[in-house]
Amino acid sequence: MKIKEIWFSGDQIFGRDEKGQVYSQSLLWYPRLKGASPEEREKFTFGFDGIHWRNLDEDISFESFEYEDAQPSAMQRFFLTHKEINVAEFARSIGMNATLLRNYINGFKKPSADREKAILAHIHRLGQELMAANF
């Protein structure tokens, strides 16, 4: 599959292949591209196996448009949109390996349902603590 045309809408990048099939991905996977201006986004080149934005130092493979997880899960979306959370410290506080949590967030590994529930419960506990703060 080779993408021949791209466009952006909201937090999505869309691509059309040589057969006319349209694919999309979340820009949460590509923070430099997400934060880029429309002019910066227009300065790309198609390569043999992907799209390259030289000025942004960003690449998207054609293959990634076909990934099953082109859209982040709710847990991934939470961490990808809350960069203020230190993933290593969050992992430490829940008793999890930081690399493993990063792998969950970046889609390299998939947490079990129980692990995902434990992560969500910890997020809720932190939220309650933040709400209880009183100065």
Protein backbone atom coordinates (compact mmCIF):
# COMPACT_ATOMS: atom_id res chain seq x y z
CA MET A 1 0.00 0.00 0.00
CA LYS A 2 1.27 3.45 -0.88
CA ILE A 3 -0.39 6.69 0.18
CA LYS A 4 -0.67 9.16 -2.71
CA GLU A 5 -2.53 12.05 -1.03
CA ILE A 6 -2.78 13.35 2.55
CA TRP A 7 -4.87 15.94 4.38
CA PHE A 8 -5.60 16.94 7.94
CA SER A 9 -8.82 17.46 9.86
CA GLY A 10 -8.95 18.08 13.58
CA ASP A 11 -6.57 15.71 15.35
CA GLN A 12 -6.42 13.32 12.39
CA ILE A 13 -4.22 12.79 9.37
CA PHE A 14 -5.93 11.17 6.42
CA GLY A 15 -4.33 9.37 3.51
CA ARG A 16 -5.67 8.04 0.23
CA ASP A 17 -3.87 5.15 -1.45
CA GLU A 18 -3.46 4.41 -5.14
CA LYS A 19 -6.75 2.44 -5.14
CA GLY A 20 -8.73 5.31 -3.60
CA GLN A 21 -9.00 3.73 -0.13
CA VAL A 22 -9.00 6.34 2.65
CA TYR A 23 -7.17 5.73 5.94
CA SER A 24 -6.71 7.86 9.03
CA GLN A 25 -4.53 8.07 12.11
CA SER A 26 -4.58 10.15 15.24
CA LEU A 27 -2.04 12.97 15.37
CA LEU A 28 -1.54 12.12 19.05
CA TRP A 29 1.00 9.57 17.79
CA TYR A 30 2.92 12.42 16.12
CA PRO A 31 3.17 15.36 18.54
CA ARG A 32 5.47 17.49 16.34
CA LEU A 33 3.05 17.16 13.46
CA LYS A 34 0.07 17.79 15.73
CA GLY A 35 1.59 21.06 16.95
CA ALA A 36 2.71 22.18 13.50
CA SER A 37 1.17 25.05 11.60
CA PRO A 38 -0.75 24.36 8.37
CA GLU A 39 2.22 25.75 6.45
CA GLU A 40 4.64 23.39 8.21
CA ARG A 41 2.34 20.44 7.56
CA GLU A 42 2.30 21.23 3.83
CA LYS A 43 6.10 20.85 3.55
CA PHE A 44 6.39 17.08 3.21
CA THR A 45 7.75 14.60 0.74
CA PHE A 46 6.58 11.14 -0.21
CA GLY A 47 9.33 8.56 0.07
CA PHE A 48 9.59 4.93 -0.90
CA ASP A 49 7.87 3.71 2.27
CA GLY A 50 6.41 6.78 3.95
CA ILE A 51 5.92 10.50 4.34
CA HIS A 52 8.63 12.79 5.68
CA TRP A 53 8.47 16.29 7.16
CA ARG A 54 12.11 17.38 7.13
CA ASN A 55 11.60 20.65 9.01
CA LEU A 56 9.62 18.86 11.72
CA ASP A 57 11.86 15.77 11.82
CA GLU A 58 8.74 13.62 11.58
CA ASP A 59 8.05 10.49 9.56
CA ILE A 60 4.92 8.41 9.04
CA SER A 61 5.21 5.05 7.33
CA PHE A 62 2.59 4.07 4.77
CA GLU A 63 2.24 0.80 6.68
CA SER A 64 1.15 2.63 9.86
CA PHE A 65 -2.08 3.74 8.16
CA GLU A 66 -3.15 0.10 8.23
CA TYR A 67 -2.32 -0.57 11.89
CA GLU A 68 -5.20 -1.83 14.01
CA ASP A 69 -4.41 0.82 16.63
CA ALA A 70 -4.39 3.89 14.34
CA GLN A 71 -6.51 5.52 17.06
CA PRO A 72 -5.23 5.53 20.65
CA SER A 73 -7.19 3.64 23.29
CA ALA A 74 -8.76 5.70 26.07
CA MET A 75 -5.79 4.96 28.33
CA GLN A 76 -3.26 5.88 25.65
CA ARG A 77 -5.20 9.06 24.82
CA PHE A 78 -5.13 10.06 28.50
CA PHE A 79 -1.35 9.83 28.80
CA LEU A 80 -0.69 11.25 25.33
CA THR A 81 -2.79 14.33 26.09
CA HIS A 82 -1.52 14.82 29.66
CA LYS A 83 2.20 15.30 29.13
CA GLU A 84 2.37 16.94 32.57
CA ILE A 85 2.18 13.47 34.10
CA ASN A 86 5.64 12.02 34.63
CA VAL A 87 5.20 8.49 33.31
CA ALA A 88 8.22 7.11 35.20
CA GLU A 89 6.97 8.47 38.53
CA PHE A 90 3.41 7.38 37.83
CA ALA A 91 4.66 3.86 37.09
CA ARG A 92 6.79 3.83 40.24
CA SER A 93 3.83 4.94 42.38
CA ILE A 94 1.68 2.10 41.08
CA GLY A 95 4.50 -0.46 41.35
CA MET A 96 4.93 -0.93 37.61
CA ASN A 97 7.99 -0.92 35.42
CA ALA A 98 8.19 2.48 33.67
CA THR A 99 9.30 0.95 30.37
CA LEU A 100 6.30 -1.35 30.40
CA LEU A 101 3.93 1.56 30.99
CA ARG A 102 5.58 3.51 28.15
CA ASN A 103 5.13 0.45 25.93
CA TYR A 104 1.42 0.41 26.81
CA ILE A 105 1.10 4.12 26.07
CA ASN A 106 2.96 3.92 22.76
CA GLY A 107 1.11 0.81 21.58
CA PHE A 108 4.06 -1.59 21.58
CA LYS A 109 2.34 -3.77 24.18
CA LYS A 110 -1.28 -4.14 25.23
CA PRO A 111 -2.22 -4.22 28.91
CA SER A 112 -4.56 -6.87 30.23
CA ALA A 113 -8.02 -5.73 31.27
CA ASP A 114 -7.00 -6.05 34.94
CA ARG A 115 -3.84 -4.00 34.41
CA GLU A 116 -5.80 -1.31 32.59
CA LYS A 117 -8.32 -1.19 35.47
CA ALA A 118 -5.47 -0.81 37.98
CA ILE A 119 -3.99 2.07 35.97
CA LEU A 120 -7.38 3.79 35.76
CA ALA A 121 -7.99 3.29 39.49
CA HIS A 122 -4.64 4.93 40.23
CA ILE A 123 -5.49 7.86 37.95
CA HIS A 124 -8.77 8.28 39.85
CA ARG A 125 -6.94 8.20 43.21
CA LEU A 126 -4.57 10.90 42.01
CA GLY A 127 -7.51 12.95 40.77
CA GLN A 128 -9.18 12.71 44.18
CA GLU A 129 -5.97 13.83 45.87
CA LEU A 130 -5.66 16.78 43.52
CA MET A 131 -9.27 17.78 44.11
CA ALA A 132 -8.76 17.61 47.89
CA ALA A 133 -5.82 20.05 47.74
CA ASN A 134 -6.56 23.12 49.79
CA PHE A 135 -4.30 26.14 50.14
